[in-house]
Structures are given as C-alpha cells and as structure tokens.
Amino acid sequence: MSGAAKAGEQWVALCGGVGGAKLALGLSRVLPAERLTIIVNTGDDFRHLGMHVSPDIDTVLYTLAGLSNTELGWGLAGETWRFMEGVERLGGPAWFRLGDQDLATHAIRTAMLTEGRSLSEVTAYLAGRLGVGPTVVPMSDDAIATEVDTDEGTLAFQTYFVGRRAAPVVKAIRFVGASKAEPARAAVEVLAADDLAGIIICPSNPWLSIDPLLAIPGWRALLAERRAPCIAVTPLVGGQAIKGPTAKIMAELGLPLDVAAIVDHYARLIDGFVLDAVDNDRAGALKLPNLVTNTMMRTLEDRTALAEACLGFCRRLRERGPEAAR
C-alpha cells in the first residue's frame, strides 16, 4: 500500500534533534501540513546567558524551514559568531555556542515566556514566523531537565553533551520534574483524535530524546489508550549509532549494541519496528512485526522514501493486522 498522503488521516511524529528532524522533514514532504504534528523533546532545554534555549525544538523548526546548518548539524545556515567572540573576550561561558542569528530565536522565546506565554504558544509563533507548516509541539509546557549520572558526578544534560562532548561514562539518566509534568494540550488533543492514523518514533536517541517524554506519567497513559499503531525507527545500523552517543550510552549501561535491545526498550509501547537493510539478519529475532528498508537519510530523497515507508507500514498494521507487516 502506498505511503502517500490520504484524506482524513492525522499523523504524529515523536522526535529529538538532528536524527528526528531528518525524518520529520521527510514526513512533511509527503503529508499535508495540517495532517502532521511533530512532538519534540524538551528535556534538553536550559537557560544560558539568561535565555531559554530549546535545542531540539529549534533544530526541528530550522530543518522544516530549510534554514538549518547542514555542515554543523545544528543552528542556522550562514551563521556568524560575533556575539560569542564578545562573550569570550569578556570571560563569559563560551562552551555552548549561540550564533548571531540564532540569538534572535532565544531572545524572542525568553521574552514571550517572561510575558506569561506557554512554550507551546511560543513554539507555534516561531513556527509561523519561519513558515513551518506542520504543527510543532513541545512534549510539555512544564519544565523538565535531563540529568546524567556519570563517573564525573551528576551533570546537567548540556554540560554532559556539549561541555564534555558526551565523554563521561553514563551510569544513569534522570528527568527532573517529569513526574509532576503534564503533556502539552495539543499533544493530548491529536493523540485522542478519531482520525489518528499512526505514531512514528523517529530515529532519535531513545534514552536522551524519547525517554524524557515517556517519563511524564500522562504520556504513558496517552500512548496506552491510543487507537492507532505506534512504530519506531531504529537509531542503530550495524551496531553503530546513526547520530550521536546512542551506542556509547548503550554499552555503558550494559546493553548489547543490537536492534533487539531497542525493541526491548520500547516494549509494550510500539506495534512495529523499522530496521535498516544492513541488519536484515536480525529481523527474524525481533518480537514484533518489522519493516526492513534503508534508514540512512543521507539525502532529501532518502528522507522522503523512509517517511513513505513508515506511513505504509503503519497502515498495514492498522488495516490488516500485525501479520501483514512481515
């Protein structure tokens, strides 16, 4: 069955930063904007130089707007760094770099939040100004902070990930504030919609980008009550992470570098799993329906093709039962 857009369907993508944004872009190419909601991790959010920074939200917005810096993998294309040069000159914290154009996003976000607007409202405003069509929603409007217990002590996420370049050995990951947080209202509404066709967990780091969302009790309840299939796209290919420290974290947590470990991590949450053709020999060992395809999104065509494959896979799970996806 084709992965092309169909009338009367709503689709949800759950994602973190760069890897998730690539598939979100592919989905935006094959679905009408009003039919796609992208729900983004905010456990990475923090305040820097007095500003509220939402790295994953910004990566998704910039990618969908065609403004992302593909060389760095984050930030805006054509960026300049005069502000950071000034920060360094004054002895300020220059370990987390904010580009001159990027500063405008953080300044506007911080001002609007200070005025009492929610993060959802601010994100919708920024998406509109950047010309982003799909709905982009933070996982929650409540503050949630990822902390990493390491061999160097407990580190705030950005200190671990950017400041220390993910070098410390991970012992545990915690999401401060998640137990008291609630899902964003727009996320609740779309997941309860009668025309929800499928939920796609993008190939983001399960432990750093998806677990913050799953740590919110209301999110677990929403996903348990869903009426549509939920699938996950592998963040591992041939035992290696497509992007970021996924494989390193798995090894440090004592997990095998195998797609089966990703499936086990999402146990009782997903109905199907998308793995790369490189790992075709592992398909038979998985405990649920799966789709083998190219998950390496090197080009826009790759991203579009993977998006179409995910839509078709979800439809097969929904319309003909799990056995149809094999």
Foldseek 3Di string as FASTA:
>chain_A
DWLAEDPLEAEEEEEEAQQSLLLVLLLPVRYPQARYEYEWEQQLWDADPNWIDRFRLQRNLCSLLVFACPVVSGDGPPFDQPVLVVCVVVVHDSLDGATPVNVVLRVQQRVVVVVPDFNQVSSVVSSVVSVRRHRYGYQFSDDKHKWFQFPVGIDTPCCCCRVVVVPTQTADIDIPPQAVTAGDPVVLVQQPDPNHAEYEYGQHQCRPIVVSSVSRVNSVVSLLPGPFFYEYEHQAAPLDGLDDCNSRNCVSNVHGSAVLSVCVVCPPRGQEYEYEPNVVVCCVVHPHFYHYYHSNPPDSVSSNVVSRVVSVLRNCCNPVNRVSRD
